[in-house]
Amino acid sequence: MEIKPLRQDLLDYLSDHNLVARWKKAVKLFSSNIRHPSLHTELLEPKWHGLYSFRIGRKYRALFFFVKEEVIEVFQITNHYKK
């Protein structure tokens, strides 16, 4: 599985929230197994939109969609438990 390079704003977000190491670990796991248990990859509602997410640590998630069969693009990184 290939992940397209992140936009600069997403790279800045990772850096600002001290997530660079966690991101690298998640990418390594995702590249070898999209369904790795620690990633908690899921299809988001409504399902027909084709948007997915995976964990970057316990608190943050990367939102993505498939560009091609084996290529994804992460379009947002969020605080999963923001109130």
PDB file of N, CA and C in Angstrom:
ATOM      1  N   MET A   1       0.845  -1.174   0.000  1.00  0.00           N
ATOM      2  CA  MET A   1       0.000   0.000   0.000  1.00  0.00           C
ATOM      3  C   MET A   1       0.893   1.241   0.000  1.00  0.00           C
ATOM      4  N   GLU A   2       0.564   2.182  -0.816  1.00  0.00           N
ATOM      5  CA  GLU A   2       1.332   3.430  -0.921  1.00  0.00           C
ATOM      6  C   GLU A   2       0.514   4.588  -0.374  1.00  0.00           C
ATOM      7  N   ILE A   3       1.172   5.465   0.361  1.00  0.00           N
ATOM      8  CA  ILE A   3       0.545   6.685   0.867  1.00  0.00           C
ATOM      9  C   ILE A   3       1.178   7.854   0.134  1.00  0.00           C
ATOM     10  N   LYS A   4       0.360   8.662  -0.535  1.00  0.00           N
ATOM     11  CA  LYS A   4       0.878   9.831  -1.239  1.00  0.00           C
ATOM     12  C   LYS A   4       1.526  10.779  -0.231  1.00  0.00           C
ATOM     13  N   PRO A   5       2.521  11.535  -0.652  1.00  0.00           N
ATOM     14  CA  PRO A   5       3.160  12.493   0.264  1.00  0.00           C
ATOM     15  C   PRO A   5       2.136  13.469   0.848  1.00  0.00           C
ATOM     16  N   LEU A   6       2.343  13.797   2.112  1.00  0.00           N
ATOM     17  CA  LEU A   6       1.416  14.699   2.801  1.00  0.00           C
ATOM     18  C   LEU A   6       1.595  16.142   2.343  1.00  0.00           C
ATOM     19  N   ARG A   7       0.494  16.889   2.369  1.00  0.00           N
ATOM     20  CA  ARG A   7       0.562  18.323   2.126  1.00  0.00           C
ATOM     21  C   ARG A   7       1.346  18.983   3.257  1.00  0.00           C
ATOM     22  N   GLN A   8       1.851  20.165   3.010  1.00  0.00           N
ATOM     23  CA  GLN A   8       2.650  20.872   4.012  1.00  0.00           C
ATOM     24  C   GLN A   8       1.865  21.167   5.282  1.00  0.00           C
ATOM     25  N   ASP A   9       0.585  21.510   5.163  1.00  0.00           N
ATOM     26  CA  ASP A   9      -0.204  21.817   6.365  1.00  0.00           C
ATOM     27  C   ASP A   9      -0.343  20.588   7.265  1.00  0.00           C
ATOM     28  N   LEU A  10      -0.420  19.398   6.675  1.00  0.00           N
ATOM     29  CA  LEU A  10      -0.500  18.179   7.475  1.00  0.00           C
ATOM     30  C   LEU A  10       0.839  17.860   8.127  1.00  0.00           C
ATOM     31  N   LEU A  11       1.931  18.095   7.400  1.00  0.00           N
ATOM     32  CA  LEU A  11       3.254  17.909   7.990  1.00  0.00           C
ATOM     33  C   LEU A  11       3.457  18.863   9.164  1.00  0.00           C
ATOM     34  N   ASP A  12       2.994  20.092   9.011  1.00  0.00           N
ATOM     35  CA  ASP A  12       3.087  21.079  10.091  1.00  0.00           C
ATOM     36  C   ASP A  12       2.260  20.639  11.294  1.00  0.00           C
ATOM     37  N   TYR A  13       1.073  20.103  11.043  1.00  0.00           N
ATOM     38  CA  TYR A  13       0.212  19.623  12.127  1.00  0.00           C
ATOM     39  C   TYR A  13       0.906  18.506  12.910  1.00  0.00           C
ATOM     40  N   LEU A  14       1.502  17.560  12.192  1.00  0.00           N
ATOM     41  CA  LEU A  14       2.226  16.468  12.844  1.00  0.00           C
ATOM     42  C   LEU A  14       3.355  17.014  13.710  1.00  0.00           C
ATOM     43  N   SER A  15       4.082  17.952  13.168  1.00  0.00           N
ATOM     44  CA  SER A  15       5.202  18.546  13.903  1.00  0.00           C
ATOM     45  C   SER A  15       4.719  19.328  15.124  1.00  0.00           C
ATOM     46  N   ASP A  16       3.688  20.146  14.948  1.00  0.00           N
ATOM     47  CA  ASP A  16       3.157  20.979  16.035  1.00  0.00           C
ATOM     48  C   ASP A  16       2.608  20.150  17.190  1.00  0.00           C
ATOM     49  N   HIS A  17       2.111  18.945  16.895  1.00  0.00           N
ATOM     50  CA  HIS A  17       1.501  18.085  17.914  1.00  0.00           C
ATOM     51  C   HIS A  17       2.412  16.925  18.331  1.00  0.00           C
ATOM     52  N   ASN A  18       3.686  17.020  17.964  1.00  0.00           N
ATOM     53  CA  ASN A  18       4.684  15.999  18.327  1.00  0.00           C
ATOM     54  C   ASN A  18       4.268  14.589  17.899  1.00  0.00           C
ATOM     55  N   LEU A  19       3.806  14.483  16.657  1.00  0.00           N
ATOM     56  CA  LEU A  19       3.297  13.219  16.145  1.00  0.00           C
ATOM     57  C   LEU A  19       4.177  12.597  15.053  1.00  0.00           C
ATOM     58  N   VAL A  20       5.308  13.172  14.781  1.00  0.00           N
ATOM     59  CA  VAL A  20       6.128  12.702  13.661  1.00  0.00           C
ATOM     60  C   VAL A  20       6.536  11.239  13.844  1.00  0.00           C
ATOM     61  N   ALA A  21       7.017  10.872  15.025  1.00  0.00           N
ATOM     62  CA  ALA A  21       7.435   9.485  15.266  1.00  0.00           C
ATOM     63  C   ALA A  21       6.243   8.530  15.189  1.00  0.00           C
ATOM     64  N   ARG A  22       5.119   8.942  15.756  1.00  0.00           N
ATOM     65  CA  ARG A  22       3.916   8.092  15.691  1.00  0.00           C
ATOM     66  C   ARG A  22       3.431   7.947  14.257  1.00  0.00           C
ATOM     67  N   TRP A  23       3.521   9.034  13.474  1.00  0.00           N
ATOM     68  CA  TRP A  23       3.129   8.988  12.076  1.00  0.00           C
ATOM     69  C   TRP A  23       3.992   7.987  11.311  1.00  0.00           C
ATOM     70  N   LYS A  24       5.299   8.045  11.515  1.00  0.00           N
ATOM     71  CA  LYS A  24       6.203   7.129  10.824  1.00  0.00           C
ATOM     72  C   LYS A  24       5.889   5.681  11.178  1.00  0.00           C
ATOM     73  N   LYS A  25       5.591   5.416  12.435  1.00  0.00           N
ATOM     74  CA  LYS A  25       5.242   4.059  12.855  1.00  0.00           C
ATOM     75  C   LYS A  25       3.940   3.618  12.198  1.00  0.00           C
ATOM     76  N   ALA A  26       2.939   4.501  12.189  1.00  0.00           N
ATOM     77  CA  ALA A  26       1.645   4.166  11.584  1.00  0.00           C
ATOM     78  C   ALA A  26       1.794   3.907  10.087  1.00  0.00           C
ATOM     79  N   VAL A  27       2.597   4.706   9.417  1.00  0.00           N
ATOM     80  CA  VAL A  27       2.822   4.527   7.973  1.00  0.00           C
ATOM     81  C   VAL A  27       3.477   3.180   7.701  1.00  0.00           C
ATOM     82  N   LYS A  28       4.440   2.826   8.523  1.00  0.00           N
ATOM     83  CA  LYS A  28       5.120   1.532   8.351  1.00  0.00           C
ATOM     84  C   LYS A  28       4.122   0.380   8.512  1.00  0.00           C
ATOM     85  N   LEU A  29       3.295   0.449   9.550  1.00  0.00           N
ATOM     86  CA  LEU A  29       2.286  -0.592   9.768  1.00  0.00           C
ATOM     87  C   LEU A  29       1.276  -0.616   8.630  1.00  0.00           C
ATOM     88  N   PHE A  30       0.800   0.566   8.237  1.00  0.00           N
ATOM     89  CA  PHE A  30      -0.209   0.681   7.191  1.00  0.00           C
ATOM     90  C   PHE A  30       0.319   0.140   5.867  1.00  0.00           C
ATOM     91  N   SER A  31       1.561   0.459   5.539  1.00  0.00           N
ATOM     92  CA  SER A  31       2.142   0.016   4.274  1.00  0.00           C
ATOM     93  C   SER A  31       2.244  -1.497   4.184  1.00  0.00           C
ATOM     94  N   SER A  32       2.489  -2.137   5.331  1.00  0.00           N
ATOM     95  CA  SER A  32       2.614  -3.598   5.311  1.00  0.00           C
ATOM     96  C   SER A  32       1.273  -4.302   5.488  1.00  0.00           C
ATOM     97  N   ASN A  33       0.335  -3.672   6.219  1.00  0.00           N
ATOM     98  CA  ASN A  33      -0.966  -4.310   6.470  1.00  0.00           C
ATOM     99  C   ASN A  33      -1.995  -3.241   6.829  1.00  0.00           C
ATOM    100  N   ILE A  34      -2.834  -2.894   5.870  1.00  0.00           N
ATOM    101  CA  ILE A  34      -3.839  -1.843   6.071  1.00  0.00           C
ATOM    102  C   ILE A  34      -4.788  -2.167   7.231  1.00  0.00           C
ATOM    103  N   ARG A  35      -4.936  -3.435   7.537  1.00  0.00           N
ATOM    104  CA  ARG A  35      -5.840  -3.873   8.607  1.00  0.00           C
ATOM    105  C   ARG A  35      -5.107  -4.251   9.897  1.00  0.00           C
ATOM    106  N   HIS A  36      -3.910  -3.743  10.076  1.00  0.00           N
ATOM    107  CA  HIS A  36      -3.160  -4.043  11.309  1.00  0.00           C
ATOM    108  C   HIS A  36      -4.020  -3.631  12.511  1.00  0.00           C
ATOM    109  N   PRO A  37      -4.136  -4.496  13.519  1.00  0.00           N
ATOM    110  CA  PRO A  37      -5.028  -4.233  14.653  1.00  0.00           C
ATOM    111  C   PRO A  37      -4.777  -2.914  15.381  1.00  0.00           C
ATOM    112  N   SER A  38      -3.547  -2.470  15.477  1.00  0.00           N
ATOM    113  CA  SER A  38      -3.287  -1.233  16.219  1.00  0.00           C
ATOM    114  C   SER A  38      -3.698   0.017  15.451  1.00  0.00           C
ATOM    115  N   LEU A  39      -3.946  -0.110  14.152  1.00  0.00           N
ATOM    116  CA  LEU A  39      -4.373   1.042  13.353  1.00  0.00           C
ATOM    117  C   LEU A  39      -5.872   1.320  13.467  1.00  0.00           C
ATOM    118  N   HIS A  40      -6.653   0.294  13.754  1.00  0.00           N
ATOM    119  CA  HIS A  40      -8.111   0.435  13.843  1.00  0.00           C
ATOM    120  C   HIS A  40      -8.671   1.123  12.589  1.00  0.00           C
ATOM    121  N   THR A  41      -8.249   0.650  11.427  1.00  0.00           N
ATOM    122  CA  THR A  41      -8.722   1.216  10.163  1.00  0.00           C
ATOM    123  C   THR A  41     -10.218   0.980  10.029  1.00  0.00           C
ATOM    124  N   GLU A  42     -10.951   2.034   9.635  1.00  0.00           N
ATOM    125  CA  GLU A  42     -12.404   1.887   9.504  1.00  0.00           C
ATOM    126  C   GLU A  42     -12.951   2.747   8.379  1.00  0.00           C
ATOM    127  N   LEU A  43     -14.032   2.274   7.786  1.00  0.00           N
ATOM    128  CA  LEU A  43     -14.783   3.016   6.785  1.00  0.00           C
ATOM    129  C   LEU A  43     -15.754   3.922   7.526  1.00  0.00           C
ATOM    130  N   LEU A  44     -15.716   5.207   7.207  1.00  0.00           N
ATOM    131  CA  LEU A  44     -16.531   6.180   7.923  1.00  0.00           C
ATOM    132  C   LEU A  44     -17.925   6.299   7.319  1.00  0.00           C
ATOM    133  N   GLU A  45     -18.844   6.761   8.124  1.00  0.00           N
ATOM    134  CA  GLU A  45     -20.224   6.988   7.685  1.00  0.00           C
ATOM    135  C   GLU A  45     -20.344   8.375   7.051  1.00  0.00           C
ATOM    136  N   PRO A  46     -21.166   8.558   6.031  1.00  0.00           N
ATOM    137  CA  PRO A  46     -21.858   7.517   5.279  1.00  0.00           C
ATOM    138  C   PRO A  46     -20.876   6.764   4.389  1.00  0.00           C
ATOM    139  N   LYS A  47     -21.044   5.476   4.340  1.00  0.00           N
ATOM    140  CA  LYS A  47     -20.081   4.592   3.683  1.00  0.00           C
ATOM    141  C   LYS A  47     -19.917   4.872   2.198  1.00  0.00           C
ATOM    142  N   TRP A  48     -20.951   5.374   1.548  1.00  0.00           N
ATOM    143  CA  TRP A  48     -20.864   5.601   0.114  1.00  0.00           C
ATOM    144  C   TRP A  48     -19.890   6.727  -0.248  1.00  0.00           C
ATOM    145  N   HIS A  49     -19.456   7.528   0.735  1.00  0.00           N
ATOM    146  CA  HIS A  49     -18.456   8.574   0.469  1.00  0.00           C
ATOM    147  C   HIS A  49     -17.073   7.972   0.227  1.00  0.00           C
ATOM    148  N   GLY A  50     -16.811   6.780   0.767  1.00  0.00           N
ATOM    149  CA  GLY A  50     -15.525   6.120   0.575  1.00  0.00           C
ATOM    150  C   GLY A  50     -14.384   6.735   1.366  1.00  0.00           C
ATOM    151  N   LEU A  51     -14.701   7.300   2.530  1.00  0.00           N
ATOM    152  CA  LEU A  51     -13.684   7.895   3.393  1.00  0.00           C
ATOM    153  C   LEU A  51     -13.362   6.940   4.530  1.00  0.00           C
ATOM    154  N   TYR A  52     -12.079   6.826   4.839  1.00  0.00           N
ATOM    155  CA  TYR A  52     -11.594   5.907   5.861  1.00  0.00           C
ATOM    156  C   TYR A  52     -10.743   6.662   6.867  1.00  0.00           C
ATOM    157  N   SER A  53     -10.443   5.987   7.971  1.00  0.00           N
ATOM    158  CA  SER A  53      -9.501   6.552   8.931  1.00  0.00           C
ATOM    159  C   SER A  53      -8.650   5.449   9.541  1.00  0.00           C
ATOM    160  N   PHE A  54      -7.477   5.841  10.049  1.00  0.00           N
ATOM    161  CA  PHE A  54      -6.644   4.944  10.841  1.00  0.00           C
ATOM    162  C   PHE A  54      -6.006   5.753  11.962  1.00  0.00           C
ATOM    163  N   ARG A  55      -5.642   5.055  13.018  1.00  0.00           N
ATOM    164  CA  ARG A  55      -5.086   5.701  14.205  1.00  0.00           C
ATOM    165  C   ARG A  55      -3.634   6.119  14.028  1.00  0.00           C
ATOM    166  N   ILE A  56      -3.342   7.254  14.633  1.00  0.00           N
ATOM    167  CA  ILE A  56      -1.961   7.704  14.834  1.00  0.00           C
ATOM    168  C   ILE A  56      -1.867   7.865  16.344  1.00  0.00           C
ATOM    169  N   GLY A  57      -1.539   6.823  17.029  1.00  0.00           N
ATOM    170  CA  GLY A  57      -1.600   6.843  18.488  1.00  0.00           C
ATOM    171  C   GLY A  57      -3.041   6.721  18.950  1.00  0.00           C
ATOM    172  N   ARG A  58      -3.283   6.931  20.217  1.00  0.00           N
ATOM    173  CA  ARG A  58      -4.633   6.770  20.764  1.00  0.00           C
ATOM    174  C   ARG A  58      -5.540   7.956  20.462  1.00  0.00           C
ATOM    175  N   LYS A  59      -4.968   9.144  20.388  1.00  0.00           N
ATOM    176  CA  LYS A  59      -5.762  10.354  20.340  1.00  0.00           C
ATOM    177  C   LYS A  59      -6.028  10.902  18.936  1.00  0.00           C
ATOM    178  N   TYR A  60      -5.175  10.583  17.973  1.00  0.00           N
ATOM    179  CA  TYR A  60      -5.265  11.193  16.647  1.00  0.00           C
ATOM    180  C   TYR A  60      -5.569  10.161  15.569  1.00  0.00           C
ATOM    181  N   ARG A  61      -6.260  10.640  14.513  1.00  0.00           N
ATOM    182  CA  ARG A  61      -6.609   9.781  13.392  1.00  0.00           C
ATOM    183  C   ARG A  61      -6.274  10.482  12.085  1.00  0.00           C
ATOM    184  N   ALA A  62      -5.877   9.679  11.107  1.00  0.00           N
ATOM    185  CA  ALA A  62      -5.638  10.171   9.749  1.00  0.00           C
ATOM    186  C   ALA A  62      -6.847   9.777   8.905  1.00  0.00           C
ATOM    187  N   LEU A  63      -7.430  10.740   8.222  1.00  0.00           N
ATOM    188  CA  LEU A  63      -8.563  10.484   7.343  1.00  0.00           C
ATOM    189  C   LEU A  63      -8.039  10.385   5.918  1.00  0.00           C
ATOM    190  N   PHE A  64      -8.519   9.385   5.173  1.00  0.00           N
ATOM    191  CA  PHE A  64      -7.981   9.156   3.835  1.00  0.00           C
ATOM    192  C   PHE A  64      -9.018   8.589   2.894  1.00  0.00           C
ATOM    193  N   PHE A  65      -8.661   8.607   1.605  1.00  0.00           N
ATOM    194  CA  PHE A  65      -9.468   7.967   0.565  1.00  0.00           C
ATOM    195  C   PHE A  65      -8.516   7.299  -0.421  1.00  0.00           C
ATOM    196  N   PHE A  66      -9.040   6.357  -1.172  1.00  0.00           N
ATOM    197  CA  PHE A  66      -8.250   5.645  -2.172  1.00  0.00           C
ATOM    198  C   PHE A  66      -8.207   6.455  -3.460  1.00  0.00           C
ATOM    199  N   VAL A  67      -6.988   6.716  -3.938  1.00  0.00           N
ATOM    200  CA  VAL A  67      -6.787   7.390  -5.218  1.00  0.00           C
ATOM    201  C   VAL A  67      -6.822   6.343  -6.325  1.00  0.00           C
ATOM    202  N   LYS A  68      -6.124   5.236  -6.075  1.00  0.00           N
ATOM    203  CA  LYS A  68      -6.126   4.051  -6.935  1.00  0.00           C
ATOM    204  C   LYS A  68      -6.214   2.862  -6.000  1.00  0.00           C
ATOM    205  N   GLU A  69      -6.233   1.675  -6.555  1.00  0.00           N
ATOM    206  CA  GLU A  69      -6.410   0.471  -5.746  1.00  0.00           C
ATOM    207  C   GLU A  69      -5.391   0.338  -4.621  1.00  0.00           C
ATOM    208  N   GLU A  70      -4.148   0.640  -4.880  1.00  0.00           N
ATOM    209  CA  GLU A  70      -3.089   0.482  -3.875  1.00  0.00           C
ATOM    210  C   GLU A  70      -2.470   1.811  -3.443  1.00  0.00           C
ATOM    211  N   VAL A  71      -3.172   2.926  -3.705  1.00  0.00           N
ATOM    212  CA  VAL A  71      -2.643   4.253  -3.368  1.00  0.00           C
ATOM    213  C   VAL A  71      -3.715   5.036  -2.620  1.00  0.00           C
ATOM    214  N   ILE A  72      -3.320   5.597  -1.466  1.00  0.00           N
ATOM    215  CA  ILE A  72      -4.251   6.420  -0.697  1.00  0.00           C
ATOM    216  C   ILE A  72      -3.700   7.831  -0.549  1.00  0.00           C
ATOM    217  N   GLU A  73      -4.608   8.758  -0.252  1.00  0.00           N
ATOM    218  CA  GLU A  73      -4.215  10.127   0.067  1.00  0.00           C
ATOM    219  C   GLU A  73      -4.838  10.505   1.402  1.00  0.00           C
ATOM    220  N   VAL A  74      -3.992  10.926   2.318  1.00  0.00           N
ATOM    221  CA  VAL A  74      -4.468  11.423   3.609  1.00  0.00           C
ATOM    222  C   VAL A  74      -4.843  12.885   3.403  1.00  0.00           C
ATOM    223  N   PHE A  75      -6.087  13.242   3.725  1.00  0.00           N
ATOM    224  CA  PHE A  75      -6.535  14.611   3.512  1.00  0.00           C
ATOM    225  C   PHE A  75      -6.735  15.384   4.809  1.00  0.00           C
ATOM    226  N   GLN A  76      -6.720  14.683   5.963  1.00  0.00           N
ATOM    227  CA  GLN A  76      -6.897  15.368   7.243  1.00  0.00           C
ATOM    228  C   GLN A  76      -6.311  14.527   8.369  1.00  0.00           C
ATOM    229  N   ILE A  77      -5.755  15.184   9.356  1.00  0.00           N
ATOM    230  CA  ILE A  77      -5.323  14.534  10.585  1.00  0.00           C
ATOM    231  C   ILE A  77      -6.047  15.252  11.705  1.00  0.00           C
ATOM    232  N   THR A  78      -6.753  14.474  12.519  1.00  0.00           N
ATOM    233  CA  THR A  78      -7.619  15.093  13.524  1.00  0.00           C
ATOM    234  C   THR A  78      -7.380  14.544  14.922  1.00  0.00           C
ATOM    235  N   ASN A  79      -7.794  15.351  15.880  1.00  0.00           N
ATOM    236  CA  ASN A  79      -7.859  14.922  17.265  1.00  0.00           C
ATOM    237  C   ASN A  79      -9.180  14.165  17.375  1.00  0.00           C
ATOM    238  N   HIS A  80      -9.111  12.877  17.595  1.00  0.00           N
ATOM    239  CA  HIS A  80     -10.304  12.021  17.567  1.00  0.00           C
ATOM    240  C   HIS A  80     -11.261  12.307  18.720  1.00  0.00           C
ATOM    241  N   TYR A  81     -10.756  12.813  19.816  1.00  0.00           N
ATOM    242  CA  TYR A  81     -11.595  13.011  20.999  1.00  0.00           C
ATOM    243  C   TYR A  81     -11.805  14.473  21.324  1.00  0.00           C
ATOM    244  N   LYS A  82     -11.736  15.326  20.331  1.00  0.00           N
ATOM    245  CA  LYS A  82     -11.918  16.769  20.558  1.00  0.00           C
ATOM    246  C   LYS A  82     -13.340  17.035  21.071  1.00  0.00           C
ATOM    247  N   LYS A  83     -13.428  17.875  22.062  1.00  0.00           N
ATOM    248  CA  LYS A  83     -14.745  18.213  22.614  1.00  0.00           C
ATOM    249  C   LYS A  83     -15.087  19.638  22.331  1.00  0.00           C
TER     250      LYS A  83
END
